[in-house]
Amino acid sequence: MEKHDLIAILDFGAQYSMLIARRVRECNVYSEILPYNTSASELKKKGVKGIILSGGPSSVYDPGAPKADPEIWKLNVPILGICYGLQLIGLELGGEVKPGTKKEYGKAILKIDDQTNLFAGLKGEIQCWMSHGDSVAKLPSGFKSIAHTENTPNAAFGSVEKKIYGVQFHPEVVHTPQGLEIIKNFLYIICDVKPTWTTKNFLQTATEEVKETLGSDKILCALSGGVDSTVVSVLVHKAVGKQLTCMFINQGFMRKNEPQKIEKIFKDFFGINFIHIDASERFYEKLKGVTDPEEKRHRIGNEFIRVFEEEAKKLGAMPYLAQGTLYPDVIESAVPGLSATTAVRIKTHHNVGGLPKDIKFKLVEPLKRLFKDEVRALGRELGVPEEIVTRQPFPGPGLAIRIIGEVTKERVKILQEVDDIVVSEIKAADLYKKVWQSFGVLLPIRTVGVMGDKRTYLNTVALRVVQSTDAMTADWARLPYDLLEKISTRIINETPEVNRVVYDISSKPPATIEWE
């Protein structure tokens, strides 16, 4: 199996650590996020070709501020410090860090004083994104300043001999338009790594790993119909064929005709062993009279586990379970205060609805090194239909948490019709791939209306469309008025139970994307 060059990102608590890793991978170089205190010996064992020190909220001179293993400076491996990382290099290697006379937040003009190595190919001035109060006042011995801003004399510095560089700004964010070029220079010129991390190479490696792990054993995959579980099932099927069985549990809260679509794709298109369990009656019974959103989630998750366990027993010996865990899930399930860890716990929010820790399966998680955009690219490589590859995120409990109040068959049917209209119109406007999520929410209130000269007293629907890159923050989408009018008109005309549509213009935070 091909071994890829590895760049380690030591996480000092930055909000942008995952973004740094994604940027490195955009350059077709494999990266991993590791805790800031990962030992030099561990990094050496991993064979890292370069180290990036992330930003962070601390001041390097504060008592208890996070520090890297001092031995990393002796590894003779190229290092790039970003923001806090730059200040750590300055302090640890003999320089001086002080609170800046003027703080810098937001856009700044970076004046490049050395257009070789880190800034090769860049013009004398570029825009960059600053977010710091401290600055390196005195450089360590053997280092020289290579860029400055109006307020920060040492906005970037480095040592060609030591191959250690630091930038006070954030090259990983879009607000530094040429930041990716700086990252490429660090990777290709300073670290001398090769761009071998490609979807095709990953697919070959992952397929071989699955084959090797399973041998002749059988494996089960719990399908949700979303991007992650679909891609993982198609990848495993490519590796072991008929040894795989996919189980789709329909809880009754899916989108219009979705169970039938999922079954057709897996049975007819991919030819995968597929079991469709219609457990909707059980789920409706469990939610009878329940209005609290957390109680809904809890009951749906628990019932999913019970159904899954019962149905899995009927299949006989199935030692392995395939799960669509992604790299952000791995990072988020790490030790609090640190970053990625090799131990992946099963998360209650994932594809299989939250399986218990004592479930009698060995996990196979071939996507656990990938980000969402890489999974979409892998899906295309595997021939997964574009409709699934580009699918917007959809909550595990389905439409049940987009119905405020009690969930009934009648209310689900109303929202299915509404959802179908919203999605079809967003797609027709060529906005489906440009917004993060677009959906309707059925509210527990009725309002007075007039239809055909008669008084009505019917349901209200809220339309929610947001822009986001990672779902951590989101802003409401400024849809054209004529599109809003079209969606509203269709919902009211085609859904007899609805007479009013409102548009949610709240951002996250303070609101969340979903209403429950």
Protein backbone atom coordinates (compact mmCIF):
# COMPACT_ATOMS: atom_id res chain seq x y z
CA MET A 1 0.00 0.00 0.00
CA GLU A 2 1.23 3.45 -0.89
CA LYS A 3 2.55 5.55 1.96
CA HIS A 4 1.81 9.27 1.73
CA ASP A 5 3.91 12.16 2.98
CA LEU A 6 2.41 13.39 6.27
CA ILE A 7 2.07 16.93 7.60
CA ALA A 8 1.19 17.07 11.31
CA ILE A 9 -0.91 19.97 12.58
CA LEU A 10 -0.43 20.50 16.31
CA ASP A 11 -3.63 22.00 17.66
CA PHE A 12 -3.31 24.70 20.32
CA GLY A 13 -7.05 25.27 20.53
CA ALA A 14 -7.52 27.19 17.29
CA GLN A 15 -10.95 27.57 15.76
CA TYR A 16 -9.24 27.08 12.38
CA SER A 17 -7.29 23.83 12.95
CA MET A 18 -9.61 21.75 10.77
CA LEU A 19 -9.43 24.42 8.11
CA ILE A 20 -5.62 24.23 8.10
CA ALA A 21 -5.83 20.46 7.60
CA ARG A 22 -8.31 20.88 4.75
CA ARG A 23 -6.12 23.47 3.04
CA VAL A 24 -3.11 21.12 3.20
CA ARG A 25 -5.21 18.34 1.68
CA GLU A 26 -6.40 20.68 -1.06
CA CYS A 27 -2.73 20.67 -2.06
CA ASN A 28 -2.99 16.84 -2.33
CA VAL A 29 -0.83 16.33 0.75
CA TYR A 30 -2.05 14.17 3.64
CA SER A 31 -2.44 15.94 6.99
CA GLU A 32 -3.49 14.94 10.49
CA ILE A 33 -4.52 17.10 13.45
CA LEU A 34 -2.77 16.04 16.65
CA PRO A 35 -2.79 17.32 20.25
CA TYR A 36 -0.36 20.22 20.80
CA ASN A 37 1.68 18.13 23.27
CA THR A 38 2.27 15.17 20.92
CA SER A 39 5.81 14.02 21.67
CA ALA A 40 8.70 14.48 19.27
CA SER A 41 9.29 10.73 19.39
CA GLU A 42 5.68 10.07 18.29
CA LEU A 43 6.05 12.56 15.43
CA LYS A 44 9.30 10.90 14.40
CA LYS A 45 7.64 7.48 14.52
CA LYS A 46 4.89 8.75 12.23
CA GLY A 47 7.57 9.96 9.81
CA VAL A 48 6.19 13.49 9.53
CA LYS A 49 7.62 15.59 6.71
CA GLY A 50 6.54 18.88 8.23
CA ILE A 51 4.77 20.34 11.28
CA ILE A 52 2.27 23.20 11.42
CA LEU A 53 1.64 24.85 14.79
CA SER A 54 -1.91 26.21 14.88
CA GLY A 55 -3.23 29.40 16.40
CA GLY A 56 -4.92 29.43 19.78
CA PRO A 57 -6.68 31.66 22.32
CA SER A 58 -3.86 31.78 24.91
CA SER A 59 -0.92 34.14 25.31
CA VAL A 60 2.36 32.23 25.15
CA TYR A 61 3.70 33.96 28.28
CA ASP A 62 0.64 33.12 30.43
CA PRO A 63 1.12 30.58 33.25
CA GLY A 64 -0.06 27.20 31.98
CA ALA A 65 -0.12 28.29 28.33
CA PRO A 66 0.03 25.21 26.05
CA LYS A 67 3.54 24.41 24.83
CA ALA A 68 4.86 21.88 22.34
CA ASP A 69 7.35 19.20 23.31
CA PRO A 70 10.67 21.16 23.30
CA GLU A 71 12.30 18.24 21.47
CA ILE A 72 10.37 19.07 18.26
CA TRP A 73 12.81 21.90 17.55
CA LYS A 74 15.58 19.28 17.27
CA LEU A 75 13.75 16.99 14.83
CA ASN A 76 15.23 18.74 11.78
CA VAL A 77 11.73 18.77 10.30
CA PRO A 78 10.33 21.95 8.67
CA ILE A 79 7.95 23.86 10.97
CA LEU A 80 5.40 26.58 10.20
CA GLY A 81 3.84 28.50 13.09
CA ILE A 82 0.54 30.32 12.53
CA CYS A 83 -0.44 33.19 14.90
CA TYR A 84 0.00 31.57 18.36
CA GLY A 85 2.34 29.11 16.62
CA LEU A 86 4.56 31.99 15.44
CA GLN A 87 4.65 33.45 18.95
CA LEU A 88 5.54 30.04 20.40
CA ILE A 89 8.49 29.76 17.98
CA GLY A 90 9.59 33.26 18.97
CA LEU A 91 9.43 32.54 22.70
CA GLU A 92 10.75 28.97 22.77
CA LEU A 93 13.75 29.64 20.53
CA GLY A 94 15.02 32.65 22.47
CA GLY A 95 13.05 35.62 21.17
CA GLU A 96 10.66 37.91 23.00
CA VAL A 97 6.86 38.10 22.86
CA LYS A 98 4.99 41.11 24.20
CA PRO A 99 1.46 42.53 24.08
CA GLY A 100 1.27 44.59 20.89
CA THR A 101 1.09 48.37 21.17
CA LYS A 102 -1.80 48.10 18.73
CA LYS A 103 -3.91 44.96 18.33
CA GLU A 104 -4.74 43.71 14.83
CA TYR A 105 -8.07 42.09 13.98
CA GLY A 106 -9.39 41.69 10.45
CA LYS A 107 -7.94 42.59 7.08
CA ALA A 108 -4.42 44.00 6.86
CA ILE A 109 -1.91 44.68 4.10
CA LEU A 110 1.13 42.44 4.36
CA LYS A 111 4.32 43.90 2.89
CA ILE A 112 6.65 41.08 1.84
CA ASP A 113 10.35 41.74 2.42
CA ASP A 114 11.70 38.39 1.16
CA GLN A 115 10.06 36.87 -1.91
CA THR A 116 11.80 33.49 -1.68
CA ASN A 117 10.80 30.24 0.04
CA LEU A 118 7.57 30.92 2.00
CA PHE A 119 6.55 33.88 -0.19
CA ALA A 120 7.96 32.63 -3.51
CA GLY A 121 5.98 33.86 -6.48
CA LEU A 122 4.02 36.47 -4.51
CA LYS A 123 4.01 40.20 -5.17
CA GLY A 124 5.34 42.76 -2.70
CA GLU A 125 1.98 43.40 -1.02
CA ILE A 126 -0.93 41.04 -0.33
CA GLN A 127 -4.07 41.13 1.77
CA CYS A 128 -4.04 38.98 4.91
CA TRP A 129 -6.30 38.24 7.89
CA MET A 130 -5.01 39.14 11.34
CA SER A 131 -6.37 38.15 14.75
CA HIS A 132 -3.87 38.88 17.52
CA GLY A 133 -3.03 41.07 20.47
CA ASP A 134 0.53 39.81 21.12
CA SER A 135 3.53 40.21 18.82
CA VAL A 136 7.09 38.93 18.57
CA ALA A 137 9.12 41.96 19.68
CA LYS A 138 12.56 40.35 19.33
CA LEU A 139 13.45 37.55 16.91
CA PRO A 140 15.34 34.42 18.02
CA SER A 141 18.98 34.19 16.96
CA GLY A 142 19.40 33.06 13.34
CA PHE A 143 15.93 34.27 12.26
CA LYS A 144 15.07 37.24 10.07
CA SER A 145 11.88 39.16 9.43
CA ILE A 146 10.45 38.39 5.98
CA ALA A 147 7.21 40.42 6.05
CA HIS A 148 5.58 43.24 8.02
CA THR A 149 2.35 45.20 8.34
CA GLU A 150 1.77 48.75 9.50
CA ASN A 151 1.31 47.60 13.11
CA THR A 152 3.44 44.43 13.20
CA PRO A 153 7.15 44.64 12.22
CA ASN A 154 7.59 40.85 12.44
CA ALA A 155 4.41 39.71 10.69
CA ALA A 156 6.41 36.78 9.27
CA PHE A 157 9.89 35.52 9.99
CA GLY A 158 11.99 32.46 9.31
CA SER A 159 15.28 30.65 9.23
CA VAL A 160 16.32 29.06 5.94
CA GLU A 161 18.94 26.97 7.75
CA LYS A 162 16.54 25.60 10.39
CA LYS A 163 13.57 25.44 7.96
CA ILE A 164 11.40 27.04 10.66
CA TYR A 165 8.96 29.80 9.69
CA GLY A 166 6.18 31.74 11.35
CA VAL A 167 3.32 33.94 10.14
CA GLN A 168 1.30 36.19 12.44
CA PHE A 169 -1.69 36.13 10.07
CA HIS A 170 -3.98 33.25 9.03
CA PRO A 171 -3.11 31.91 5.54
CA GLU A 172 -5.78 29.19 5.86
CA VAL A 173 -8.82 31.53 5.75
CA VAL A 174 -10.44 32.90 2.60
CA HIS A 175 -9.78 36.45 3.84
CA THR A 176 -6.11 35.82 2.98
CA PRO A 177 -6.75 35.36 -0.78
CA GLN A 178 -3.24 34.08 -1.55
CA GLY A 179 -2.95 32.05 1.63
CA LEU A 180 -3.11 28.75 -0.23
CA GLU A 181 -0.04 29.79 -2.24
CA ILE A 182 1.83 30.36 1.02
CA ILE A 183 0.78 26.93 2.29
CA LYS A 184 1.85 25.36 -1.02
CA ASN A 185 5.25 27.04 -0.73
CA PHE A 186 5.69 25.59 2.76
CA LEU A 187 4.70 22.12 1.55
CA TYR A 188 6.42 21.92 -1.82
CA ILE A 189 9.47 24.17 -1.39
CA ILE A 190 10.31 23.99 2.32
CA CYS A 191 9.05 20.47 3.20
CA ASP A 192 9.70 19.05 -0.29
CA VAL A 193 6.61 16.80 -0.08
CA LYS A 194 4.86 15.13 -2.99
CA PRO A 195 1.17 15.77 -3.90
CA THR A 196 0.11 12.11 -3.83
CA TRP A 197 -3.00 12.37 -1.59
CA THR A 198 -5.68 11.94 -4.28
CA THR A 199 -9.15 10.40 -4.28
CA LYS A 200 -8.01 7.65 -6.65
CA ASN A 201 -5.04 6.72 -4.47
CA PHE A 202 -7.16 6.78 -1.32
CA LEU A 203 -9.80 4.53 -2.90
CA GLN A 204 -7.20 1.94 -3.85
CA THR A 205 -5.64 1.96 -0.37
CA ALA A 206 -8.98 1.91 1.49
CA THR A 207 -10.30 -0.97 -0.64
CA GLU A 208 -7.20 -3.04 0.09
CA GLU A 209 -7.46 -2.26 3.82
CA VAL A 210 -11.13 -3.37 3.96
CA LYS A 211 -10.30 -6.62 2.14
CA GLU A 212 -7.41 -7.32 4.47
CA THR A 213 -9.48 -6.56 7.60
CA LEU A 214 -12.50 -8.67 6.65
CA GLY A 215 -10.93 -11.69 5.01
CA SER A 216 -13.94 -13.94 4.34
CA ASP A 217 -16.10 -12.52 7.18
CA LYS A 218 -19.44 -10.80 6.59
CA ILE A 219 -20.15 -7.15 7.31
CA LEU A 220 -23.29 -5.12 7.98
CA CYS A 221 -23.83 -1.45 7.11
CA ALA A 222 -26.67 0.63 8.55
CA LEU A 223 -27.85 2.99 5.82
CA SER A 224 -29.41 6.40 6.26
CA GLY A 225 -29.40 7.28 2.56
CA GLY A 226 -27.08 10.23 3.17
CA VAL A 227 -23.69 10.88 1.61
CA ASP A 228 -21.51 9.22 4.26
CA SER A 229 -23.35 5.91 4.73
CA THR A 230 -23.89 5.58 0.96
CA VAL A 231 -20.23 6.15 0.10
CA VAL A 232 -18.98 3.79 2.81
CA SER A 233 -21.37 1.03 1.69
CA VAL A 234 -20.39 1.36 -1.98
CA LEU A 235 -16.69 1.35 -1.06
CA VAL A 236 -17.07 -1.77 1.12
CA HIS A 237 -19.13 -3.46 -1.61
CA LYS A 238 -16.36 -2.71 -4.12
CA ALA A 239 -13.91 -4.38 -1.73
CA VAL A 240 -15.83 -7.49 -0.61
CA GLY A 241 -18.98 -7.74 -2.77
CA LYS A 242 -21.60 -10.16 -1.42
CA GLN A 243 -19.99 -10.23 2.03
CA LEU A 244 -21.78 -6.91 2.64
CA THR A 245 -25.42 -6.51 3.69
CA CYS A 246 -26.94 -3.03 3.93
CA MET A 247 -29.82 -2.43 6.32
CA PHE A 248 -32.08 0.58 5.94
CA ILE A 249 -34.43 1.22 8.85
CA ASN A 250 -37.35 3.44 7.85
CA GLN A 251 -38.53 5.28 10.96
CA GLY A 252 -41.36 6.99 9.08
CA PHE A 253 -39.81 10.47 9.11
CA MET A 254 -37.98 10.38 5.79
CA ARG A 255 -38.57 12.73 2.86
CA LYS A 256 -41.26 12.03 0.28
CA ASN A 257 -40.68 8.69 -1.51
CA GLU A 258 -37.15 8.51 -0.06
CA PRO A 259 -37.28 4.89 1.22
CA GLN A 260 -38.30 3.72 -2.28
CA LYS A 261 -35.53 5.77 -3.92
CA ILE A 262 -32.89 4.40 -1.54
CA GLU A 263 -34.00 0.81 -2.14
CA LYS A 264 -33.94 1.27 -5.92
CA ILE A 265 -30.43 2.78 -5.90
CA PHE A 266 -28.93 0.04 -3.76
CA LYS A 267 -30.75 -2.93 -5.26
CA ASP A 268 -30.95 -1.96 -8.93
CA PHE A 269 -28.09 0.49 -9.44
CA PHE A 270 -25.38 -1.02 -7.22
CA GLY A 271 -26.67 -4.59 -6.85
CA ILE A 272 -25.93 -4.62 -3.11
CA ASN A 273 -27.57 -7.02 -0.62
CA PHE A 274 -30.23 -4.71 0.81
CA ILE A 275 -32.74 -5.10 3.63
CA HIS A 276 -35.50 -2.53 4.06
CA ILE A 277 -37.04 -2.56 7.54
CA ASP A 278 -40.25 -0.55 7.78
CA ALA A 279 -40.43 0.20 11.50
CA SER A 280 -42.48 3.38 11.16
CA GLU A 281 -45.42 2.15 13.27
CA ARG A 282 -43.06 1.47 16.20
CA PHE A 283 -41.57 4.95 15.98
CA TYR A 284 -44.93 6.73 15.74
CA GLU A 285 -46.08 4.82 18.80
CA LYS A 286 -42.97 5.88 20.72
CA LEU A 287 -43.54 9.55 19.87
CA LYS A 288 -47.24 9.64 20.72
CA GLY A 289 -47.92 12.74 22.84
CA VAL A 290 -44.22 13.78 22.90
CA THR A 291 -43.50 17.47 22.20
CA ASP A 292 -40.11 18.09 23.86
CA PRO A 293 -37.36 18.10 21.18
CA GLU A 294 -34.73 16.36 23.32
CA GLU A 295 -37.22 13.68 24.32
CA LYS A 296 -38.02 13.14 20.64
CA ARG A 297 -34.36 12.69 19.77
CA HIS A 298 -33.81 10.38 22.74
CA ARG A 299 -36.77 8.15 21.92
CA ILE A 300 -35.96 7.96 18.20
CA GLY A 301 -32.30 7.11 18.94
CA ASN A 302 -33.20 4.44 21.49
CA GLU A 303 -35.83 2.84 19.29
CA PHE A 304 -33.39 2.78 16.38
CA ILE A 305 -30.93 0.83 18.52
CA ARG A 306 -33.60 -1.68 19.58
CA VAL A 307 -34.77 -2.25 15.98
CA PHE A 308 -31.20 -2.51 14.71
CA GLU A 309 -30.22 -5.06 17.38
CA GLU A 310 -33.32 -7.20 16.75
CA GLU A 311 -32.88 -7.23 12.99
CA ALA A 312 -29.11 -7.78 13.12
CA LYS A 313 -29.61 -10.95 15.21
CA LYS A 314 -31.75 -12.45 12.45
CA LEU A 315 -28.82 -12.27 10.02
CA GLY A 316 -26.62 -14.74 11.88
CA ALA A 317 -22.85 -14.29 12.16
CA MET A 318 -21.98 -10.70 11.19
CA PRO A 319 -18.74 -9.85 13.01
CA TYR A 320 -18.23 -6.42 11.40
CA LEU A 321 -20.19 -3.19 11.16
CA ALA A 322 -19.35 -0.53 8.55
CA GLN A 323 -19.88 3.02 9.72
CA GLY A 324 -19.49 6.37 7.94
CA THR A 325 -17.39 8.09 10.59
CA LEU A 326 -15.57 11.11 9.13
CA TYR A 327 -12.38 12.84 10.24
CA PRO A 328 -14.19 15.74 11.98
CA ASP A 329 -16.08 13.12 14.04
CA VAL A 330 -12.73 11.63 15.08
CA ILE A 331 -11.43 15.04 16.11
CA GLU A 332 -14.60 16.00 17.99
CA SER A 333 -14.60 12.73 19.93
CA ALA A 334 -11.09 13.41 21.26
CA VAL A 335 -9.98 14.11 24.83
CA PRO A 336 -11.46 17.47 25.94
CA GLY A 337 -8.99 20.27 25.37
CA LEU A 338 -6.91 18.25 22.96
CA SER A 339 -7.44 17.29 19.36
CA ALA A 340 -7.49 14.13 17.30
CA THR A 341 -7.01 10.79 18.98
CA THR A 342 -6.74 7.35 17.47
CA ALA A 343 -9.60 6.02 19.64
CA VAL A 344 -12.89 6.63 17.86
CA ARG A 345 -16.00 6.38 19.99
CA ILE A 346 -19.42 5.72 18.49
CA LYS A 347 -21.35 8.99 18.43
CA THR A 348 -25.04 9.25 19.11
CA HIS A 349 -25.53 11.63 16.17
CA HIS A 350 -24.10 9.45 13.44
CA ASN A 351 -25.54 7.41 10.56
CA VAL A 352 -26.55 4.39 12.58
CA GLY A 353 -28.58 6.45 15.01
CA GLY A 354 -26.27 6.02 17.98
CA LEU A 355 -25.29 2.43 18.65
CA PRO A 356 -24.46 1.34 22.22
CA LYS A 357 -20.82 0.88 23.19
CA ASP A 358 -21.38 -2.77 24.09
CA ILE A 359 -22.73 -3.73 20.66
CA LYS A 360 -21.20 -6.98 19.47
CA PHE A 361 -19.52 -5.71 16.30
CA LYS A 362 -16.01 -4.75 15.28
CA LEU A 363 -16.16 -1.39 13.57
CA VAL A 364 -14.88 -0.78 10.05
CA GLU A 365 -14.60 2.96 9.35
CA PRO A 366 -12.87 3.48 5.98
CA LEU A 367 -13.79 7.20 5.79
CA LYS A 368 -12.42 8.22 9.18
CA ARG A 369 -9.46 10.03 7.61
CA LEU A 370 -11.63 12.13 5.26
CA PHE A 371 -13.40 15.49 5.39
CA LYS A 372 -16.90 15.89 3.92
CA ASP A 373 -15.68 17.42 0.65
CA GLU A 374 -13.26 14.50 0.22
CA VAL A 375 -16.13 12.03 0.81
CA ARG A 376 -18.15 13.73 -1.93
CA ALA A 377 -15.16 13.45 -4.30
CA LEU A 378 -14.76 9.77 -3.36
CA GLY A 379 -18.46 9.20 -4.02
CA ARG A 380 -18.04 10.55 -7.55
CA GLU A 381 -15.02 8.29 -8.06
CA LEU A 382 -17.19 5.33 -7.00
CA GLY A 383 -20.03 6.28 -9.33
CA VAL A 384 -22.50 7.31 -6.62
CA PRO A 385 -25.35 9.30 -8.24
CA GLU A 386 -24.87 13.05 -8.09
CA GLU A 387 -28.23 13.41 -6.32
CA ILE A 388 -26.72 11.66 -3.29
CA VAL A 389 -23.18 13.06 -3.58
CA THR A 390 -24.45 16.65 -3.42
CA ARG A 391 -27.17 16.00 -0.87
CA GLN A 392 -27.56 18.67 1.79
CA PRO A 393 -27.15 17.55 5.42
CA PHE A 394 -30.28 15.86 6.77
CA PRO A 395 -30.82 15.18 10.49
CA GLY A 396 -30.77 11.61 11.80
CA PRO A 397 -34.27 11.91 13.36
CA GLY A 398 -35.48 13.15 9.97
CA LEU A 399 -38.57 15.32 9.65
CA ALA A 400 -39.54 14.56 13.26
CA ILE A 401 -37.39 17.47 14.48
CA ARG A 402 -38.71 19.77 11.78
CA ILE A 403 -42.23 19.31 13.14
CA ILE A 404 -42.58 21.51 16.19
CA GLY A 405 -44.84 19.75 18.69
CA GLU A 406 -46.28 16.26 18.41
CA VAL A 407 -45.28 14.09 15.45
CA THR A 408 -48.20 12.36 13.74
CA LYS A 409 -48.60 10.63 10.38
CA GLU A 410 -50.79 13.50 9.17
CA ARG A 411 -48.24 16.17 10.13
CA VAL A 412 -45.36 14.19 8.57
CA LYS A 413 -47.33 13.91 5.31
CA ILE A 414 -47.88 17.69 5.26
CA LEU A 415 -44.17 18.38 5.80
CA GLN A 416 -43.12 15.80 3.21
CA GLU A 417 -45.15 17.69 0.59
CA VAL A 418 -43.76 21.04 1.75
CA ASP A 419 -40.18 19.72 1.80
CA ASP A 420 -40.56 18.33 -1.72
CA ILE A 421 -41.66 21.75 -3.00
CA VAL A 422 -38.84 23.62 -1.21
CA VAL A 423 -36.09 21.29 -2.45
CA SER A 424 -37.42 21.15 -6.03
CA GLU A 425 -37.66 24.96 -6.30
CA ILE A 426 -34.20 25.52 -4.76
CA LYS A 427 -32.81 23.05 -7.30
CA ALA A 428 -34.72 24.67 -10.17
CA ALA A 429 -33.16 28.01 -9.18
CA ASP A 430 -29.70 26.37 -9.33
CA LEU A 431 -29.12 27.14 -5.64
CA TYR A 432 -29.13 23.65 -4.13
CA LYS A 433 -25.34 23.25 -4.23
CA LYS A 434 -24.75 26.90 -3.31
CA VAL A 435 -26.62 26.94 0.02
CA TRP A 436 -25.84 24.71 2.99
CA GLN A 437 -29.40 23.65 3.82
CA SER A 438 -32.91 24.45 2.61
CA PHE A 439 -36.02 23.05 4.24
CA GLY A 440 -39.45 23.73 5.71
CA VAL A 441 -40.53 23.58 9.36
CA LEU A 442 -44.10 22.79 10.36
CA LEU A 443 -45.15 25.07 13.22
CA PRO A 444 -47.64 24.15 15.97
CA ILE A 445 -49.80 27.20 15.25
CA ARG A 446 -52.75 27.86 13.00
CA THR A 447 -53.57 31.23 11.51
CA VAL A 448 -56.59 32.80 9.88
CA GLY A 449 -56.58 33.10 6.10
CA VAL A 450 -58.91 33.66 3.15
CA MET A 451 -59.20 31.16 0.29
CA GLY A 452 -61.94 31.38 -2.35
CA ASP A 453 -63.76 34.05 -0.29
CA LYS A 454 -63.92 31.66 2.65
CA ARG A 455 -62.25 31.95 6.04
CA THR A 456 -59.53 29.37 6.72
CA TYR A 457 -57.76 28.45 9.92
CA LEU A 458 -54.77 26.38 8.88
CA ASN A 459 -51.10 25.50 9.51
CA THR A 460 -48.08 27.78 9.26
CA VAL A 461 -44.81 26.71 7.64
CA ALA A 462 -41.42 28.37 8.26
CA LEU A 463 -38.92 28.31 5.41
CA ARG A 464 -35.26 27.91 6.49
CA VAL A 465 -32.39 28.42 3.99
CA VAL A 466 -28.87 29.07 5.26
CA GLN A 467 -25.33 29.66 3.99
CA SER A 468 -22.48 27.93 5.83
CA THR A 469 -19.18 26.15 5.26
CA ASP A 470 -19.10 23.87 8.31
CA ALA A 471 -22.46 24.26 10.16
CA MET A 472 -20.61 25.74 13.16
CA THR A 473 -21.89 29.16 12.10
CA ALA A 474 -24.52 30.01 9.49
CA ASP A 475 -26.23 33.00 7.98
CA TRP A 476 -29.69 33.13 6.43
CA ALA A 477 -29.65 33.06 2.65
CA ARG A 478 -30.75 36.23 0.85
CA LEU A 479 -33.03 34.46 -1.63
CA PRO A 480 -34.54 36.49 -4.49
CA TYR A 481 -38.04 37.74 -3.67
CA ASP A 482 -39.53 36.11 -6.75
CA LEU A 483 -38.16 32.71 -5.63
CA LEU A 484 -39.60 33.19 -2.12
CA GLU A 485 -42.92 34.12 -3.69
CA LYS A 486 -42.87 31.04 -5.92
CA ILE A 487 -42.10 28.68 -3.03
CA SER A 488 -44.77 30.28 -0.83
CA THR A 489 -47.40 30.19 -3.59
CA ARG A 490 -46.72 26.54 -4.40
CA ILE A 491 -46.81 25.45 -0.75
CA ILE A 492 -50.15 27.18 -0.13
CA ASN A 493 -51.70 26.06 -3.43
CA GLU A 494 -50.47 22.46 -3.31
CA THR A 495 -50.70 21.75 0.41
CA PRO A 496 -54.37 22.25 1.45
CA GLU A 497 -53.50 22.16 5.15
CA VAL A 498 -51.26 25.27 4.97
CA ASN A 499 -52.31 28.89 4.51
CA ARG A 500 -49.23 30.85 5.63
CA VAL A 501 -45.46 30.71 4.91
CA VAL A 502 -42.87 32.73 6.86
CA TYR A 503 -39.11 33.10 6.22
CA ASP A 504 -36.58 32.56 9.03
CA ILE A 505 -33.97 35.37 8.91
CA SER A 506 -32.01 34.44 12.05
CA SER A 507 -28.33 33.48 11.94
CA LYS A 508 -26.37 30.89 13.91
CA PRO A 509 -25.55 31.95 16.59
CA PRO A 510 -27.80 32.90 18.32
CA ALA A 511 -30.26 30.58 16.57
CA THR A 512 -29.44 27.06 15.41
CA ILE A 513 -29.90 25.82 11.84
CA GLU A 514 -32.54 23.25 12.77
CA TRP A 515 -35.45 24.43 14.90
CA GLU A 516 -35.21 21.46 17.27
